[in-house]
């Protein structure tokens, strides 16, 4: 019986006897040939794998010596045919090939079982899928920690960098699937998933499985804590919001339904938005070329019925772009005091249909619940009477699917400093300071996740279709916009 093992420490068994391959170059040669078993590996690639960028003066001769020694270790001293099924290292002129039945290599057995599992899944055979998933995972003898390569590949750094991550990803996907299919009792499943999360904290799927397992176990509080930990980890380490699967688990915990609503005041007069400035605002709010950047526009102008009417008209123009709701939020009370952001968040969650007992009391849990609620929705938020960045910060969704318009007397410098804004004056160029001119609106593009948005190219000015762009009164370039 012949058995080559790569999925862990390198191990070779021939005719039931373990064959030691101790020399580093011979191990590197064997690993390289095994990864491409029954396919020719060119000489140039073998030079690179064995010596990287520092080959010997006569690499062909040195390689021939290592091949001869590997043949001797494998019992193929001449490279000619021997006992049926015995491995052979063959020279094909342009390279070398390790000839052995595919089923003698654990990597090929692993991938064959994984393919059978996929076929069973596609045919709806859950029992057969689990059988093949178990068989595939059974080929692995090590459980390498995150960031650590497979032990057998460590002797060939270039292969460890190229092939290692893909192999570990294949294994992790099957392992995650096994946790779904296996039917472990919660007392066994939860510790296993916690161990997996500890090994791979930036991988979202194990977090989703853990949250689901805690929910099914009836431990709603622990499920919420796990969700909050996942959200904090993904945001801190990757700058990402929870994805659809994790968000769906959160919603299963809360048991809520979405209420799409248009919550804007009734204006005293009807307004029609015209001009390059408003066209640039609309374009900024609806452009989603960056999957992590939240469209956030800041407008400055004196508080008035006209300003409110403009916001209402903007919500009307963007109703189809944001079908899950247009939410108008006044950030300051009649007495001039800022509203508590926590109360505003709780109110928005209630209006969206969140179950009352699923709304946290406050703090980061409340912010996380709000952002999870919006993570796969398309909602336009109109934040009126913004006085400073603190009023706005917690109300910002964590997804580029939503958009925010913050309106105040001025574009506050704190927003520019904290979020890397670039201000675009409809009558002028790009700046970063606050707008103090009450009769003029100023547009700022800010990003919440990822890098600050770059100002749009000047050649992409906004003007009505079929018309030439208007000439600015100041004689400077017309306002730019993002594509």
Foldseek 3Di string as FASTA:
>chain_A
DWAFAQQAATWTADPNRTQDDPDLLLLQVVVVQLVVAPDFDFQVVSQCQRPNPDGDPDNVVVVVVSLCVNCVSQVNNPQDDDPPQRWGWDDPPGGIHIYGPQVRYLVSLLVVLCVQLVVCVVVVNLVSNLVSLCRNLVSHDDDDFPPDFHNSCPSGVVCSVVVGVVVVVSNVVSVLVNLVRVPDQLVPSLVVLVVVCVRPVQDQSSLLSNLQSCVVVVNLVVSLVSLLSSQVSNCVPPVAGHDPSSLVSLCVSQVWDFDQEEAADDAPDADDDDDLVVVQLLQLQQDPPDWFWAWEKEKAADDDSVVSNVVVNSCVVCCVLFVRYEAEAEQADPVRHGDDLFVVLLVVCVNRTGDNVSQDPDDVSNLSVSQSVCAPGEYEYEYEADDAVVSVPSVDHRTNSYHYYYYHNKDALRCCVPFVKWKWFQQAGIDRHMDNDNVGIIIITGTDTDDGDDAADLVAGDDDPPDDDDQHPVNHGGTGHHD
